[in-house]
PDB file of N, CA and C in Angstrom:
ATOM      1  N   MET A   1     -83.397-126.668  -7.455  1.00  0.00           N
ATOM      2  CA  MET A   1     -83.173-126.608  -8.892  1.00  0.00           C
ATOM      3  C   MET A   1     -81.679-126.851  -9.152  1.00  0.00           C
ATOM      4  N   THR A   2     -81.412-127.726 -10.069  1.00  0.00           N
ATOM      5  CA  THR A   2     -80.027-128.021 -10.409  1.00  0.00           C
ATOM      6  C   THR A   2     -79.495-126.982 -11.390  1.00  0.00           C
ATOM      7  N   GLN A   3     -78.188-126.956 -11.531  1.00  0.00           N
ATOM      8  CA  GLN A   3     -77.561-126.042 -12.492  1.00  0.00           C
ATOM      9  C   GLN A   3     -78.000-126.384 -13.913  1.00  0.00           C
ATOM     10  N   ALA A   4     -78.128-127.669 -14.206  1.00  0.00           N
ATOM     11  CA  ALA A   4     -78.566-128.100 -15.542  1.00  0.00           C
ATOM     12  C   ALA A   4     -79.982-127.592 -15.828  1.00  0.00           C
ATOM     13  N   GLN A   5     -80.875-127.672 -14.847  1.00  0.00           N
ATOM     14  CA  GLN A   5     -82.247-127.196 -15.042  1.00  0.00           C
ATOM     15  C   GLN A   5     -82.281-125.685 -15.203  1.00  0.00           C
ATOM     16  N   LEU A   6     -81.466-124.976 -14.424  1.00  0.00           N
ATOM     17  CA  LEU A   6     -81.390-123.520 -14.543  1.00  0.00           C
ATOM     18  C   LEU A   6     -80.923-123.119 -15.935  1.00  0.00           C
ATOM     19  N   ILE A   7     -79.874-123.776 -16.430  1.00  0.00           N
ATOM     20  CA  ILE A   7     -79.370-123.473 -17.771  1.00  0.00           C
ATOM     21  C   ILE A   7     -80.434-123.786 -18.813  1.00  0.00           C
ATOM     22  N   HIS A   8     -81.123-124.905 -18.664  1.00  0.00           N
ATOM     23  CA  HIS A   8     -82.191-125.271 -19.607  1.00  0.00           C
ATOM     24  C   HIS A   8     -83.285-124.208 -19.621  1.00  0.00           C
ATOM     25  N   ASP A   9     -83.733-123.790 -18.444  1.00  0.00           N
ATOM     26  CA  ASP A   9     -84.798-122.784 -18.368  1.00  0.00           C
ATOM     27  C   ASP A   9     -84.350-121.447 -18.944  1.00  0.00           C
ATOM     28  N   LEU A  10     -83.148-121.015 -18.586  1.00  0.00           N
ATOM     29  CA  LEU A  10     -82.640-119.751 -19.116  1.00  0.00           C
ATOM     30  C   LEU A  10     -82.469-119.827 -20.639  1.00  0.00           C
ATOM     31  N   ASP A  11     -82.022-120.962 -21.125  1.00  0.00           N
ATOM     32  CA  ASP A  11     -81.873-121.169 -22.565  1.00  0.00           C
ATOM     33  C   ASP A  11     -83.209-120.965 -23.279  1.00  0.00           C
ATOM     34  N   GLU A  12     -84.269-121.532 -22.714  1.00  0.00           N
ATOM     35  CA  GLU A  12     -85.588-121.367 -23.331  1.00  0.00           C
ATOM     36  C   GLU A  12     -86.033-119.911 -23.326  1.00  0.00           C
ATOM     37  N   TYR A  13     -85.825-119.212 -22.222  1.00  0.00           N
ATOM     38  CA  TYR A  13     -86.209-117.796 -22.162  1.00  0.00           C
ATOM     39  C   TYR A  13     -85.414-116.960 -23.165  1.00  0.00           C
ATOM     40  N   VAL A  14     -84.137-117.226 -23.272  1.00  0.00           N
ATOM     41  CA  VAL A  14     -83.285-116.469 -24.192  1.00  0.00           C
ATOM     42  C   VAL A  14     -83.691-116.741 -25.636  1.00  0.00           C
ATOM     43  N   ILE A  15     -84.023-117.979 -25.961  1.00  0.00           N
ATOM     44  CA  ILE A  15     -84.463-118.297 -27.327  1.00  0.00           C
ATOM     45  C   ILE A  15     -85.781-117.594 -27.630  1.00  0.00           C
ATOM     46  N   TRP A  16     -86.736-117.652 -26.690  1.00  0.00           N
ATOM     47  CA  TRP A  16     -88.004-116.930 -26.892  1.00  0.00           C
ATOM     48  C   TRP A  16     -87.741-115.441 -27.133  1.00  0.00           C
ATOM     49  N   PHE A  17     -86.977-114.828 -26.243  1.00  0.00           N
ATOM     50  CA  PHE A  17     -86.706-113.397 -26.326  1.00  0.00           C
ATOM     51  C   PHE A  17     -86.013-113.041 -27.637  1.00  0.00           C
ATOM     52  N   SER A  18     -84.945-113.741 -27.956  1.00  0.00           N
ATOM     53  CA  SER A  18     -84.157-113.428 -29.159  1.00  0.00           C
ATOM     54  C   SER A  18     -84.952-113.665 -30.432  1.00  0.00           C
ATOM     55  N   PHE A  19     -85.709-114.757 -30.481  1.00  0.00           N
ATOM     56  CA  PHE A  19     -86.507-115.050 -31.670  1.00  0.00           C
ATOM     57  C   PHE A  19     -87.577-113.977 -31.879  1.00  0.00           C
ATOM     58  N   LEU A  20     -88.341-113.687 -30.837  1.00  0.00           N
ATOM     59  CA  LEU A  20     -89.416-112.700 -30.982  1.00  0.00           C
ATOM     60  C   LEU A  20     -88.870-111.313 -31.310  1.00  0.00           C
ATOM     61  N   LEU A  21     -87.773-110.929 -30.691  1.00  0.00           N
ATOM     62  CA  LEU A  21     -87.185-109.628 -30.981  1.00  0.00           C
ATOM     63  C   LEU A  21     -86.687-109.569 -32.426  1.00  0.00           C
ATOM     64  N   SER A  22     -86.093-110.651 -32.905  1.00  0.00           N
ATOM     65  CA  SER A  22     -85.636-110.684 -34.304  1.00  0.00           C
ATOM     66  C   SER A  22     -86.803-110.595 -35.280  1.00  0.00           C
ATOM     67  N   VAL A  23     -87.905-111.254 -34.950  1.00  0.00           N
ATOM     68  CA  VAL A  23     -89.090-111.205 -35.812  1.00  0.00           C
ATOM     69  C   VAL A  23     -89.722-109.814 -35.793  1.00  0.00           C
ATOM     70  N   LEU A  24     -89.752-109.193 -34.629  1.00  0.00           N
ATOM     71  CA  LEU A  24     -90.399-107.884 -34.491  1.00  0.00           C
ATOM     72  C   LEU A  24     -89.502-106.721 -34.912  1.00  0.00           C
ATOM     73  N   PHE A  25     -88.215-106.957 -35.061  1.00  0.00           N
ATOM     74  CA  PHE A  25     -87.281-105.872 -35.352  1.00  0.00           C
ATOM     75  C   PHE A  25     -87.644-105.124 -36.632  1.00  0.00           C
ATOM     76  N   ALA A  26     -87.874-105.839 -37.721  1.00  0.00           N
ATOM     77  CA  ALA A  26     -88.164-105.169 -39.002  1.00  0.00           C
ATOM     78  C   ALA A  26     -89.438-104.325 -38.943  1.00  0.00           C
ATOM     79  N   PRO A  27     -90.561-104.866 -38.451  1.00  0.00           N
ATOM     80  CA  PRO A  27     -91.756-104.012 -38.375  1.00  0.00           C
ATOM     81  C   PRO A  27     -91.578-102.801 -37.458  1.00  0.00           C
ATOM     82  N   LEU A  28     -90.883-102.998 -36.339  1.00  0.00           N
ATOM     83  CA  LEU A  28     -90.676-101.873 -35.425  1.00  0.00           C
ATOM     84  C   LEU A  28     -89.725-100.845 -36.032  1.00  0.00           C
ATOM     85  N   ALA A  29     -88.672-101.308 -36.684  1.00  0.00           N
ATOM     86  CA  ALA A  29     -87.733-100.388 -37.327  1.00  0.00           C
ATOM     87  C   ALA A  29     -88.405 -99.625 -38.461  1.00  0.00           C
ATOM     88  N   THR A  30     -89.336-100.278 -39.160  1.00  0.00           N
ATOM     89  CA  THR A  30     -90.040 -99.638 -40.278  1.00  0.00           C
ATOM     90  C   THR A  30     -90.844 -98.426 -39.807  1.00  0.00           C
ATOM     91  N   MET A  31     -91.330 -98.476 -38.576  1.00  0.00           N
ATOM     92  CA  MET A  31     -92.096 -97.343 -38.045  1.00  0.00           C
ATOM     93  C   MET A  31     -91.221 -96.106 -37.854  1.00  0.00           C
ATOM     94  N   MET A  32     -89.900 -96.319 -37.711  1.00  0.00           N
ATOM     95  CA  MET A  32     -89.002 -95.209 -37.408  1.00  0.00           C
ATOM     96  C   MET A  32     -88.022 -94.880 -38.524  1.00  0.00           C
ATOM     97  N   TRP A  33     -87.854 -95.793 -39.482  1.00  0.00           N
ATOM     98  CA  TRP A  33     -86.743 -95.652 -40.419  1.00  0.00           C
ATOM     99  C   TRP A  33     -87.063 -96.362 -41.725  1.00  0.00           C
ATOM    100  N   PRO A  34     -86.953 -95.691 -42.864  1.00  0.00           N
ATOM    101  CA  PRO A  34     -87.153 -96.369 -44.157  1.00  0.00           C
ATOM    102  C   PRO A  34     -85.897 -97.160 -44.550  1.00  0.00           C
ATOM    103  N   TRP A  35     -85.670 -98.260 -43.854  1.00  0.00           N
ATOM    104  CA  TRP A  35     -84.444 -99.045 -43.995  1.00  0.00           C
ATOM    105  C   TRP A  35     -84.225 -99.573 -45.409  1.00  0.00           C
ATOM    106  N   TRP A  36     -85.280 -99.787 -46.170  1.00  0.00           N
ATOM    107  CA  TRP A  36     -85.186-100.369 -47.514  1.00  0.00           C
ATOM    108  C   TRP A  36     -84.585 -99.395 -48.529  1.00  0.00           C
ATOM    109  N   LYS A  37     -84.382 -98.151 -48.125  1.00  0.00           N
ATOM    110  CA  LYS A  37     -83.841 -97.140 -49.039  1.00  0.00           C
ATOM    111  C   LYS A  37     -82.316 -97.047 -48.996  1.00  0.00           C
ATOM    112  N   HIS A  38     -81.676 -97.853 -48.180  1.00  0.00           N
ATOM    113  CA  HIS A  38     -80.228 -97.748 -48.036  1.00  0.00           C
ATOM    114  C   HIS A  38     -79.635 -99.147 -47.870  1.00  0.00           C
ATOM    115  N   PRO A  39     -78.483 -99.403 -48.482  1.00  0.00           N
ATOM    116  CA  PRO A  39     -77.871-100.726 -48.351  1.00  0.00           C
ATOM    117  C   PRO A  39     -77.603-101.143 -46.902  1.00  0.00           C
ATOM    118  N   TRP A  40     -77.245-100.167 -46.054  1.00  0.00           N
ATOM    119  CA  TRP A  40     -77.011-100.509 -44.650  1.00  0.00           C
ATOM    120  C   TRP A  40     -78.297-100.985 -43.980  1.00  0.00           C
ATOM    121  N   GLY A  41     -79.393-100.338 -44.278  1.00  0.00           N
ATOM    122  CA  GLY A  41     -80.665-100.749 -43.701  1.00  0.00           C
ATOM    123  C   GLY A  41     -81.061-102.143 -44.155  1.00  0.00           C
ATOM    124  N   ILE A  42     -80.892-102.405 -45.434  1.00  0.00           N
ATOM    125  CA  ILE A  42     -81.217-103.730 -45.959  1.00  0.00           C
ATOM    126  C   ILE A  42     -80.325-104.775 -45.307  1.00  0.00           C
ATOM    127  N   ASN A  43     -79.068-104.443 -45.101  1.00  0.00           N
ATOM    128  CA  ASN A  43     -78.148-105.375 -44.470  1.00  0.00           C
ATOM    129  C   ASN A  43     -78.552-105.670 -43.030  1.00  0.00           C
ATOM    130  N   ILE A  44     -78.890-104.645 -42.294  1.00  0.00           N
ATOM    131  CA  ILE A  44     -79.282-104.825 -40.892  1.00  0.00           C
ATOM    132  C   ILE A  44     -80.531-105.688 -40.789  1.00  0.00           C
ATOM    133  N   ILE A  45     -81.528-105.398 -41.610  1.00  0.00           N
ATOM    134  CA  ILE A  45     -82.763-106.180 -41.587  1.00  0.00           C
ATOM    135  C   ILE A  45     -82.493-107.610 -42.059  1.00  0.00           C
ATOM    136  N   SER A  46     -81.639-107.771 -43.056  1.00  0.00           N
ATOM    137  CA  SER A  46     -81.310-109.114 -43.549  1.00  0.00           C
ATOM    138  C   SER A  46     -80.685-109.965 -42.449  1.00  0.00           C
ATOM    139  N   LEU A  47     -79.816-109.364 -41.665  1.00  0.00           N
ATOM    140  CA  LEU A  47     -79.204-110.114 -40.575  1.00  0.00           C
ATOM    141  C   LEU A  47     -80.245-110.515 -39.529  1.00  0.00           C
ATOM    142  N   GLU A  48     -81.167-109.632 -39.225  1.00  0.00           N
ATOM    143  CA  GLU A  48     -82.227-109.973 -38.263  1.00  0.00           C
ATOM    144  C   GLU A  48     -83.101-111.103 -38.779  1.00  0.00           C
ATOM    145  N   VAL A  49     -83.417-111.075 -40.064  1.00  0.00           N
ATOM    146  CA  VAL A  49     -84.226-112.146 -40.660  1.00  0.00           C
ATOM    147  C   VAL A  49     -83.455-113.468 -40.598  1.00  0.00           C
ATOM    148  N   ALA A  50     -82.168-113.423 -40.923  1.00  0.00           N
ATOM    149  CA  ALA A  50     -81.348-114.634 -40.875  1.00  0.00           C
ATOM    150  C   ALA A  50     -81.267-115.188 -39.449  1.00  0.00           C
ATOM    151  N   ILE A  51     -81.129-114.301 -38.476  1.00  0.00           N
ATOM    152  CA  ILE A  51     -81.089-114.736 -37.074  1.00  0.00           C
ATOM    153  C   ILE A  51     -82.420-115.352 -36.674  1.00  0.00           C
ATOM    154  N   ALA A  52     -83.517-114.736 -37.088  1.00  0.00           N
ATOM    155  CA  ALA A  52     -84.837-115.289 -36.774  1.00  0.00           C
ATOM    156  C   ALA A  52     -84.989-116.688 -37.363  1.00  0.00           C
ATOM    157  N   PHE A  53     -84.561-116.871 -38.613  1.00  0.00           N
ATOM    158  CA  PHE A  53     -84.654-118.200 -39.222  1.00  0.00           C
ATOM    159  C   PHE A  53     -83.727-119.194 -38.519  1.00  0.00           C
ATOM    160  N   ALA A  54     -82.563-118.741 -38.069  1.00  0.00           N
ATOM    161  CA  ALA A  54     -81.652-119.634 -37.357  1.00  0.00           C
ATOM    162  C   ALA A  54     -82.257-120.090 -36.025  1.00  0.00           C
ATOM    163  N   LEU A  55     -83.022-119.216 -35.386  1.00  0.00           N
ATOM    164  CA  LEU A  55     -83.649-119.550 -34.108  1.00  0.00           C
ATOM    165  C   LEU A  55     -84.996-120.249 -34.262  1.00  0.00           C
ATOM    166  N   LEU A  56     -85.568-120.223 -35.460  1.00  0.00           N
ATOM    167  CA  LEU A  56     -86.906-120.790 -35.682  1.00  0.00           C
ATOM    168  C   LEU A  56     -87.029-122.250 -35.248  1.00  0.00           C
ATOM    169  N   PRO A  57     -86.130-123.147 -35.647  1.00  0.00           N
ATOM    170  CA  PRO A  57     -86.285-124.538 -35.204  1.00  0.00           C
ATOM    171  C   PRO A  57     -86.280-124.692 -33.684  1.00  0.00           C
ATOM    172  N   ALA A  58     -85.387-123.993 -33.016  1.00  0.00           N
ATOM    173  CA  ALA A  58     -85.341-124.077 -31.553  1.00  0.00           C
ATOM    174  C   ALA A  58     -86.623-123.513 -30.948  1.00  0.00           C
ATOM    175  N   TRP A  59     -87.102-122.412 -31.485  1.00  0.00           N
ATOM    176  CA  TRP A  59     -88.331-121.803 -30.963  1.00  0.00           C
ATOM    177  C   TRP A  59     -89.535-122.721 -31.179  1.00  0.00           C
ATOM    178  N   LEU A  60     -89.646-123.311 -32.372  1.00  0.00           N
ATOM    179  CA  LEU A  60     -90.752-124.246 -32.633  1.00  0.00           C
ATOM    180  C   LEU A  60     -90.684-125.446 -31.698  1.00  0.00           C
ATOM    181  N   SER A  61     -89.483-125.889 -31.427  1.00  0.00           N
ATOM    182  CA  SER A  61     -89.310-127.014 -30.511  1.00  0.00           C
ATOM    183  C   SER A  61     -89.788-126.652 -29.109  1.00  0.00           C
ATOM    184  N   ILE A  62     -89.424-125.470 -28.656  1.00  0.00           N
ATOM    185  CA  ILE A  62     -89.810-125.039 -27.314  1.00  0.00           C
ATOM    186  C   ILE A  62     -91.302-124.710 -27.258  1.00  0.00           C
ATOM    187  N   ALA A  63     -91.777-123.955 -28.233  1.00  0.00           N
ATOM    188  CA  ALA A  63     -93.155-123.464 -28.193  1.00  0.00           C
ATOM    189  C   ALA A  63     -94.189-124.568 -28.446  1.00  0.00           C
ATOM    190  N   PHE A  64     -93.858-125.509 -29.316  1.00  0.00           N
ATOM    191  CA  PHE A  64     -94.846-126.506 -29.724  1.00  0.00           C
ATOM    192  C   PHE A  64     -94.423-127.948 -29.461  1.00  0.00           C
ATOM    193  N   GLY A  65     -93.264-128.130 -28.856  1.00  0.00           N
ATOM    194  CA  GLY A  65     -92.814-129.467 -28.520  1.00  0.00           C
ATOM    195  C   GLY A  65     -92.353-130.292 -29.710  1.00  0.00           C
ATOM    196  N   LEU A  66     -92.089-129.637 -30.816  1.00  0.00           N
ATOM    197  CA  LEU A  66     -91.609-130.360 -31.986  1.00  0.00           C
ATOM    198  C   LEU A  66     -90.147-130.734 -31.754  1.00  0.00           C
ATOM    199  N   ARG A  67     -89.824-131.956 -32.040  1.00  0.00           N
ATOM    200  CA  ARG A  67     -88.450-132.419 -31.823  1.00  0.00           C
ATOM    201  C   ARG A  67     -87.605-132.093 -33.037  1.00  0.00           C
ATOM    202  N   ARG A  68     -86.587-131.286 -32.833  1.00  0.00           N
ATOM    203  CA  ARG A  68     -85.711-130.883 -33.938  1.00  0.00           C
ATOM    204  C   ARG A  68     -84.988-132.066 -34.553  1.00  0.00           C
ATOM    205  N   ALA A  69     -84.616-133.029 -33.743  1.00  0.00           N
ATOM    206  CA  ALA A  69     -83.841-134.163 -34.262  1.00  0.00           C
ATOM    207  C   ALA A  69     -84.663-135.042 -35.201  1.00  0.00           C
ATOM    208  N   ASP A  70     -85.978-135.014 -35.069  1.00  0.00           N
ATOM    209  CA  ASP A  70     -86.828-135.894 -35.878  1.00  0.00           C
ATOM    210  C   ASP A  70     -87.300-135.258 -37.174  1.00  0.00           C
ATOM    211  N   VAL A  71     -87.110-133.972 -37.327  1.00  0.00           N
ATOM    212  CA  VAL A  71     -87.635-133.269 -38.508  1.00  0.00           C
ATOM    213  C   VAL A  71     -86.454-132.686 -39.283  1.00  0.00           C
ATOM    214  N   TYR A  72     -86.170-133.272 -40.442  1.00  0.00           N
ATOM    215  CA  TYR A  72     -85.037-132.806 -41.241  1.00  0.00           C
ATOM    216  C   TYR A  72     -85.235-131.393 -41.767  1.00  0.00           C
ATOM    217  N   VAL A  73     -86.479-130.978 -41.933  1.00  0.00           N
ATOM    218  CA  VAL A  73     -86.738-129.617 -42.407  1.00  0.00           C
ATOM    219  C   VAL A  73     -86.121-128.605 -41.441  1.00  0.00           C
ATOM    220  N   PHE A  74     -86.229-128.862 -40.149  1.00  0.00           N
ATOM    221  CA  PHE A  74     -85.631-127.963 -39.157  1.00  0.00           C
ATOM    222  C   PHE A  74     -84.126-127.852 -39.363  1.00  0.00           C
ATOM    223  N   ALA A  75     -83.490-128.985 -39.584  1.00  0.00           N
ATOM    224  CA  ALA A  75     -82.036-128.987 -39.773  1.00  0.00           C
ATOM    225  C   ALA A  75     -81.659-128.203 -41.026  1.00  0.00           C
ATOM    226  N   TRP A  76     -82.416-128.375 -42.101  1.00  0.00           N
ATOM    227  CA  TRP A  76     -82.113-127.649 -43.345  1.00  0.00           C
ATOM    228  C   TRP A  76     -82.359-126.156 -43.185  1.00  0.00           C
ATOM    229  N   VAL A  77     -83.438-125.790 -42.504  1.00  0.00           N
ATOM    230  CA  VAL A  77     -83.716-124.364 -42.260  1.00  0.00           C
ATOM    231  C   VAL A  77     -82.592-123.759 -41.431  1.00  0.00           C
ATOM    232  N   GLN A  78     -82.177-124.465 -40.407  1.00  0.00           N
ATOM    233  CA  GLN A  78     -81.118-123.934 -39.558  1.00  0.00           C
ATOM    234  C   GLN A  78     -79.799-123.836 -40.321  1.00  0.00           C
ATOM    235  N   LEU A  79     -79.477-124.849 -41.104  1.00  0.00           N
ATOM    236  CA  LEU A  79     -78.243-124.820 -41.885  1.00  0.00           C
ATOM    237  C   LEU A  79     -78.264-123.670 -42.889  1.00  0.00           C
ATOM    238  N   ALA A  80     -79.360-123.532 -43.636  1.00  0.00           N
ATOM    239  CA  ALA A  80     -79.466-122.461 -44.632  1.00  0.00           C
ATOM    240  C   ALA A  80     -79.410-121.091 -43.974  1.00  0.00           C
ATOM    241  N   SER A  81     -80.053-120.943 -42.827  1.00  0.00           N
ATOM    242  CA  SER A  81     -80.060-119.634 -42.170  1.00  0.00           C
ATOM    243  C   SER A  81     -78.682-119.288 -41.618  1.00  0.00           C
ATOM    244  N   LEU A  82     -77.939-120.269 -41.148  1.00  0.00           N
ATOM    245  CA  LEU A  82     -76.589-119.982 -40.671  1.00  0.00           C
ATOM    246  C   LEU A  82     -75.673-119.597 -41.822  1.00  0.00           C
ATOM    247  N   VAL A  83     -75.869-120.212 -42.988  1.00  0.00           N
ATOM    248  CA  VAL A  83     -75.123-119.790 -44.178  1.00  0.00           C
ATOM    249  C   VAL A  83     -75.498-118.347 -44.511  1.00  0.00           C
ATOM    250  N   LEU A  84     -76.791-118.029 -44.426  1.00  0.00           N
ATOM    251  CA  LEU A  84     -77.252-116.671 -44.705  1.00  0.00           C
ATOM    252  C   LEU A  84     -76.640-115.668 -43.723  1.00  0.00           C
ATOM    253  N   VAL A  85     -76.549-116.032 -42.461  1.00  0.00           N
ATOM    254  CA  VAL A  85     -75.912-115.152 -41.471  1.00  0.00           C
ATOM    255  C   VAL A  85     -74.482-114.837 -41.912  1.00  0.00           C
ATOM    256  N   GLY A  86     -73.740-115.861 -42.297  1.00  0.00           N
ATOM    257  CA  GLY A  86     -72.369-115.647 -42.749  1.00  0.00           C
ATOM    258  C   GLY A  86     -72.288-114.772 -43.988  1.00  0.00           C
ATOM    259  N   LEU A  87     -73.199-114.981 -44.931  1.00  0.00           N
ATOM    260  CA  LEU A  87     -73.210-114.166 -46.151  1.00  0.00           C
ATOM    261  C   LEU A  87     -73.531-112.701 -45.850  1.00  0.00           C
ATOM    262  N   VAL A  88     -74.473-112.474 -44.956  1.00  0.00           N
ATOM    263  CA  VAL A  88     -74.836-111.093 -44.599  1.00  0.00           C
ATOM    264  C   VAL A  88     -73.673-110.411 -43.881  1.00  0.00           C
ATOM    265  N   ILE A  89     -72.966-111.147 -43.039  1.00  0.00           N
ATOM    266  CA  ILE A  89     -71.812-110.569 -42.364  1.00  0.00           C
ATOM    267  C   ILE A  89     -70.715-110.236 -43.378  1.00  0.00           C
ATOM    268  N   ALA A  90     -70.503-111.121 -44.352  1.00  0.00           N
ATOM    269  CA  ALA A  90     -69.519-110.839 -45.405  1.00  0.00           C
ATOM    270  C   ALA A  90     -69.941-109.611 -46.199  1.00  0.00           C
ATOM    271  N   TRP A  91     -71.226-109.498 -46.511  1.00  0.00           N
ATOM    272  CA  TRP A  91     -71.754-108.333 -47.212  1.00  0.00           C
ATOM    273  C   TRP A  91     -71.494-107.072 -46.376  1.00  0.00           C
ATOM    274  N   ARG A  92     -71.667-107.175 -45.060  1.00  0.00           N
ATOM    275  CA  ARG A  92     -71.428-106.026 -44.188  1.00  0.00           C
ATOM    276  C   ARG A  92     -69.971-105.586 -44.261  1.00  0.00           C
ATOM    277  N   LEU A  93     -69.061-106.545 -44.338  1.00  0.00           N
ATOM    278  CA  LEU A  93     -67.647-106.185 -44.499  1.00  0.00           C
ATOM    279  C   LEU A  93     -67.420-105.419 -45.797  1.00  0.00           C
ATOM    280  N   VAL A  94     -68.084-105.835 -46.867  1.00  0.00           N
ATOM    281  CA  VAL A  94     -67.979-105.112 -48.141  1.00  0.00           C
ATOM    282  C   VAL A  94     -68.530-103.699 -47.990  1.00  0.00           C
ATOM    283  N   LEU A  95     -69.662-103.550 -47.312  1.00  0.00           N
ATOM    284  CA  LEU A  95     -70.238-102.215 -47.089  1.00  0.00           C
ATOM    285  C   LEU A  95     -69.282-101.334 -46.288  1.00  0.00           C
ATOM    286  N   ILE A  96     -68.672-101.912 -45.264  1.00  0.00           N
ATOM    287  CA  ILE A  96     -67.713-101.140 -44.463  1.00  0.00           C
ATOM    288  C   ILE A  96     -66.534-100.724 -45.334  1.00  0.00           C
ATOM    289  N   TRP A  97     -66.001-101.643 -46.111  1.00  0.00           N
ATOM    290  CA  TRP A  97     -64.869-101.341 -46.982  1.00  0.00           C
ATOM    291  C   TRP A  97     -65.223-100.227 -47.952  1.00  0.00           C
ATOM    292  N   ARG A  98     -66.392-100.326 -48.584  1.00  0.00           N
ATOM    293  CA  ARG A  98     -66.817 -99.294 -49.546  1.00  0.00           C
ATOM    294  C   ARG A  98     -66.998 -97.947 -48.858  1.00  0.00           C
ATOM    295  N   THR A  99     -67.606 -97.954 -47.687  1.00  0.00           N
ATOM    296  CA  THR A  99     -67.827 -96.700 -46.957  1.00  0.00           C
ATOM    297  C   THR A  99     -66.497 -96.067 -46.579  1.00  0.00           C
ATOM    298  N   GLN A 100     -65.580 -96.871 -46.096  1.00  0.00           N
ATOM    299  CA  GLN A 100     -64.275 -96.337 -45.705  1.00  0.00           C
ATOM    300  C   GLN A 100     -63.518 -95.806 -46.909  1.00  0.00           C
ATOM    301  N   ARG A 101     -63.590 -96.489 -48.021  1.00  0.00           N
ATOM    302  CA  ARG A 101     -62.904 -96.036 -49.236  1.00  0.00           C
ATOM    303  C   ARG A 101     -63.531 -94.737 -49.744  1.00  0.00           C
ATOM    304  N   ARG A 102     -64.846 -94.637 -49.678  1.00  0.00           N
ATOM    305  CA  ARG A 102     -65.543 -93.445 -50.163  1.00  0.00           C
ATOM    306  C   ARG A 102     -65.260 -92.244 -49.265  1.00  0.00           C
ATOM    307  N   ASP A 103     -65.200 -92.470 -47.960  1.00  0.00           N
ATOM    308  CA  ASP A 103     -65.022 -91.376 -47.010  1.00  0.00           C
ATOM    309  C   ASP A 103     -63.566 -90.953 -46.846  1.00  0.00           C
ATOM    310  N   THR A 104     -62.627 -91.698 -47.422  1.00  0.00           N
ATOM    311  CA  THR A 104     -61.213 -91.356 -47.331  1.00  0.00           C
ATOM    312  C   THR A 104     -60.820 -90.611 -48.592  1.00  0.00           C
ATOM    313  N   PRO A 105     -60.410 -89.334 -48.482  1.00  0.00           N
ATOM    314  CA  PRO A 105     -60.081 -88.561 -49.682  1.00  0.00           C
ATOM    315  C   PRO A 105     -58.887 -89.122 -50.433  1.00  0.00           C
ATOM    316  N   SER A 106     -57.926 -89.686 -49.715  1.00  0.00           N
ATOM    317  CA  SER A 106     -56.775 -90.279 -50.391  1.00  0.00           C
ATOM    318  C   SER A 106     -56.238 -91.392 -49.521  1.00  0.00           C
ATOM    319  N   ALA A 107     -55.369 -92.170 -50.099  1.00  0.00           N
ATOM    320  CA  ALA A 107     -54.782 -93.270 -49.346  1.00  0.00           C
ATOM    321  C   ALA A 107     -53.620 -92.800 -48.495  1.00  0.00           C
ATOM    322  N   GLU A 108     -53.148 -91.578 -48.723  1.00  0.00           N
ATOM    323  CA  GLU A 108     -52.015 -91.056 -47.963  1.00  0.00           C
ATOM    324  C   GLU A 108     -52.482 -90.551 -46.605  1.00  0.00           C
ATOM    325  N   PRO A 109     -51.674 -90.767 -45.571  1.00  0.00           N
ATOM    326  CA  PRO A 109     -52.067 -90.250 -44.258  1.00  0.00           C
ATOM    327  C   PRO A 109     -51.984 -88.725 -44.241  1.00  0.00           C
ATOM    328  N   ALA A 110     -52.790 -88.143 -43.405  1.00  0.00           N
ATOM    329  CA  ALA A 110     -52.784 -86.682 -43.278  1.00  0.00           C
ATOM    330  C   ALA A 110     -51.461 -86.235 -42.670  1.00  0.00           C
ATOM    331  N   PRO A 111     -50.965 -85.071 -43.075  1.00  0.00           N
ATOM    332  CA  PRO A 111     -49.712 -84.587 -42.489  1.00  0.00           C
ATOM    333  C   PRO A 111     -49.927 -84.267 -41.012  1.00  0.00           C
ATOM    334  N   PRO A 112     -48.861 -84.355 -40.227  1.00  0.00           N
ATOM    335  CA  PRO A 112     -49.018 -84.041 -38.800  1.00  0.00           C
ATOM    336  C   PRO A 112     -49.350 -82.561 -38.632  1.00  0.00           C
ATOM    337  N   PRO A 113     -50.041 -82.218 -37.561  1.00  0.00           N
ATOM    338  CA  PRO A 113     -50.378 -80.807 -37.340  1.00  0.00           C
ATOM    339  C   PRO A 113     -49.104 -79.980 -37.117  1.00  0.00           C
ATOM    340  N   ARG A 114     -49.158 -78.753 -37.587  1.00  0.00           N
ATOM    341  CA  ARG A 114     -48.001 -77.861 -37.436  1.00  0.00           C
ATOM    342  C   ARG A 114     -47.930 -77.374 -36.003  1.00  0.00           C
ATOM    343  N   GLU A 115     -46.714 -77.284 -35.544  1.00  0.00           N
ATOM    344  CA  GLU A 115     -46.527 -76.770 -34.181  1.00  0.00           C
ATOM    345  C   GLU A 115     -46.659 -75.260 -34.215  1.00  0.00           C
ATOM    346  N   ARG A 116     -47.245 -74.727 -33.143  1.00  0.00           N
ATOM    347  CA  ARG A 116     -47.384 -73.270 -33.029  1.00  0.00           C
ATOM    348  C   ARG A 116     -46.064 -72.671 -32.597  1.00  0.00           C
ATOM    349  N   ASP A 117     -45.827 -71.520 -33.113  1.00  0.00           N
ATOM    350  CA  ASP A 117     -44.631 -70.770 -32.727  1.00  0.00           C
ATOM    351  C   ASP A 117     -44.908 -70.149 -31.367  1.00  0.00           C
ATOM    352  N   PRO A 118     -44.131 -70.474 -30.334  1.00  0.00           N
ATOM    353  CA  PRO A 118     -44.397 -69.930 -28.989  1.00  0.00           C
ATOM    354  C   PRO A 118     -44.321 -68.419 -28.945  1.00  0.00           C
ATOM    355  N   ALA A 119     -43.638 -67.770 -29.892  1.00  0.00           N
ATOM    356  CA  ALA A 119     -43.492 -66.324 -29.880  1.00  0.00           C
ATOM    357  C   ALA A 119     -44.783 -65.634 -30.333  1.00  0.00           C
ATOM    358  N   SER A 120     -45.642 -66.329 -31.044  1.00  0.00           N
ATOM    359  CA  SER A 120     -46.823 -65.650 -31.576  1.00  0.00           C
ATOM    360  C   SER A 120     -48.011 -65.755 -30.675  1.00  0.00           C
TER     361      SER A 120
END
C-alpha cells in the first residue's frame, strides 16, 4: 500500500466518522440535555449541523460515488455550510463576550490579597 492510498483510505474513514457523529450529535445530546433552552446549546448544535452540511458532499461522494466536481449543488452546499460555520463561530465569540461581561462584577481588577501579619 502506498502512502497516497493510505491517506485516501484514512480520509474516507475520517469523513464517514465525522459526518455520522455530527449527524447523530443532536439526537444523542437531546437525550441528555435540553439544548434548545439555552443560547449555548443552540450554538453547539448549530455548529454540529453546519459541520454535517460541510461534510455532506464528501460523504455523498464516498458513500454513493457521486462526483463532487460534476454537481454544482454540492459546491453550493459546501460553500453555504462553510459560511454557516464561520457565522456560528462568530456568534460563539459574542456569547463568550456576553458571558464574560455578565460574570465580571466590574471592569476594575480585584485588589491584591492582604498579607498576613506574621505576629498574629
